[in-house]
Amino acid sequence: MGEEGTGYVAEDGDITYIVTGATFSIVKNAKTISEEQVIYVCSQFSEKICQQR
């Protein structure tokens, strides 16, 4: 997993998971196979908010 600009990228074989403040994408062999809008982000920086939900 690595941080890229304003999001995160994780790779598992030929599948790449990309999370930004706006979208969560799954890419396989350089082709987007799924993309969803991010509606709630829970991170170490918002721990108190995450525990309340």
Protein backbone atom coordinates (compact mmCIF):
# COMPACT_ATOMS: atom_id res chain seq x y z
CA MET A 1 0.00 0.00 0.00
CA GLY A 2 1.24 3.47 -0.77
CA GLU A 3 0.00 7.02 -0.60
CA GLU A 4 -0.28 8.80 -3.93
CA GLY A 5 -1.16 12.49 -3.93
CA THR A 6 -4.59 12.73 -2.31
CA GLY A 7 -5.36 9.03 -1.97
CA TYR A 8 -4.08 5.54 -1.38
CA VAL A 9 -3.12 2.71 -3.69
CA ALA A 10 -2.92 -0.99 -2.77
CA GLU A 11 -1.89 -3.75 -5.14
CA ASP A 12 -2.67 -7.47 -5.01
CA GLY A 13 -1.27 -9.25 -8.03
CA ASP A 14 -2.84 -7.77 -11.15
CA ILE A 15 -5.55 -5.96 -9.16
CA THR A 16 -5.05 -2.39 -7.92
CA TYR A 17 -7.31 -0.69 -5.37
CA ILE A 18 -7.34 3.11 -5.46
CA VAL A 19 -9.05 5.28 -2.83
CA THR A 20 -9.28 9.06 -3.12
CA GLY A 21 -11.50 11.54 -1.35
CA ALA A 22 -14.03 11.14 -4.15
CA THR A 23 -13.85 7.55 -5.43
CA PHE A 24 -12.93 3.96 -4.67
CA SER A 25 -11.74 2.16 -7.82
CA ILE A 26 -10.74 -1.39 -8.59
CA VAL A 27 -8.44 -1.78 -11.58
CA LYS A 28 -7.41 -5.08 -13.17
CA ASN A 29 -4.75 -5.22 -15.88
CA ALA A 30 -4.93 -1.41 -16.32
CA LYS A 31 -8.73 -1.51 -16.86
CA THR A 32 -11.20 -0.07 -14.34
CA ILE A 33 -13.61 -2.84 -13.40
CA SER A 34 -15.45 -0.99 -10.60
CA GLU A 35 -15.70 2.58 -9.41
CA GLU A 36 -17.85 3.87 -6.55
CA GLN A 37 -18.35 7.30 -5.07
CA VAL A 38 -16.90 7.73 -1.58
CA ILE A 39 -19.60 8.93 0.79
CA TYR A 40 -17.79 8.48 4.13
CA VAL A 41 -14.09 8.28 4.87
CA CYS A 42 -12.85 6.84 8.16
CA SER A 43 -9.15 7.26 8.85
CA GLN A 44 -6.73 7.54 11.74
CA PHE A 45 -7.29 11.29 11.56
CA SER A 46 -11.04 10.96 12.24
CA GLU A 47 -10.95 8.18 14.85
CA LYS A 48 -13.51 9.79 17.19
CA ILE A 49 -15.97 10.31 14.34
CA CYS A 50 -15.46 6.72 13.15
CA GLN A 51 -16.27 5.29 16.57
CA GLN A 52 -19.49 7.31 16.79
CA ARG A 53 -20.95 5.81 13.61
